[in-house]
Protein backbone atom coordinates (compact mmCIF):
# COMPACT_ATOMS: atom_id res chain seq x y z
CA MET A 1 -0.02 0.04 -0.03
CA GLU A 2 2.99 2.31 0.80
CA ALA A 3 4.39 1.82 -2.52
CA LYS A 4 0.96 2.97 -4.21
CA THR A 5 0.91 6.11 -2.23
CA PHE A 6 4.42 6.86 -3.15
CA THR A 7 3.83 6.43 -6.80
CA VAL A 8 0.88 8.55 -6.74
CA ARG A 9 2.75 11.42 -4.84
CA ARG A 10 5.50 11.23 -7.37
CA LYS A 11 3.23 10.66 -10.23
CA THR A 12 5.29 7.39 -11.37
CA PRO A 13 3.80 4.25 -12.36
CA LEU A 14 3.92 1.49 -10.07
CA LYS A 15 5.37 -0.81 -12.74
CA ALA A 16 8.31 1.80 -13.28
CA LEU A 17 9.07 1.71 -9.58
CA ILE A 18 9.19 -1.97 -9.34
CA GLU A 19 11.39 -2.32 -12.36
CA ALA A 20 13.65 0.37 -10.85
CA ALA A 21 13.95 -1.48 -7.65
CA LEU A 22 14.67 -4.89 -9.27
CA ARG A 23 17.34 -3.26 -11.40
CA TRP A 24 19.05 -1.82 -8.27
CA GLU A 25 18.63 -5.15 -6.34
CA THR A 26 20.06 -7.42 -9.22
CA ARG A 27 22.92 -5.03 -10.31
CA PRO A 28 26.43 -6.28 -9.79
CA SER A 29 28.05 -4.81 -6.98
CA MET A 30 30.98 -2.42 -7.61
CA GLU A 31 33.18 -4.28 -5.19
CA THR A 32 33.19 -7.94 -4.51
CA GLU A 33 31.78 -8.08 -0.97
CA ASN A 34 31.66 -11.59 0.30
CA PRO A 35 30.26 -11.58 3.95
CA ASP A 36 31.33 -15.12 4.53
CA PRO A 37 33.86 -16.80 2.23
CA SER A 38 33.49 -20.09 3.64
CA ARG A 39 29.71 -20.27 2.57
CA PHE A 40 29.71 -17.85 -0.45
CA GLU A 41 31.80 -17.41 -3.64
CA VAL A 42 31.45 -14.21 -5.79
CA GLY A 43 30.37 -15.25 -9.41
CA PRO A 44 31.52 -13.73 -12.66
CA PHE A 45 28.95 -11.03 -12.51
CA GLY A 46 29.67 -10.09 -8.98
CA ILE A 47 26.74 -11.87 -7.55
CA LEU A 48 27.19 -13.99 -4.41
CA ARG A 49 26.50 -17.76 -4.87
CA ILE A 50 26.36 -20.57 -2.23
CA HIS A 51 29.18 -23.14 -2.34
């Protein structure tokens, strides 16, 4: 519900807001951040994957 209110205030379609959020979440990180190297490895696109 908050997302709908936010989009109405900014006059942005909800679809555009969701697409932007997904793009931001799935983008590769600029630095290879690995919180636990024993459990995760950094893939070729900078995305963490489980060993």
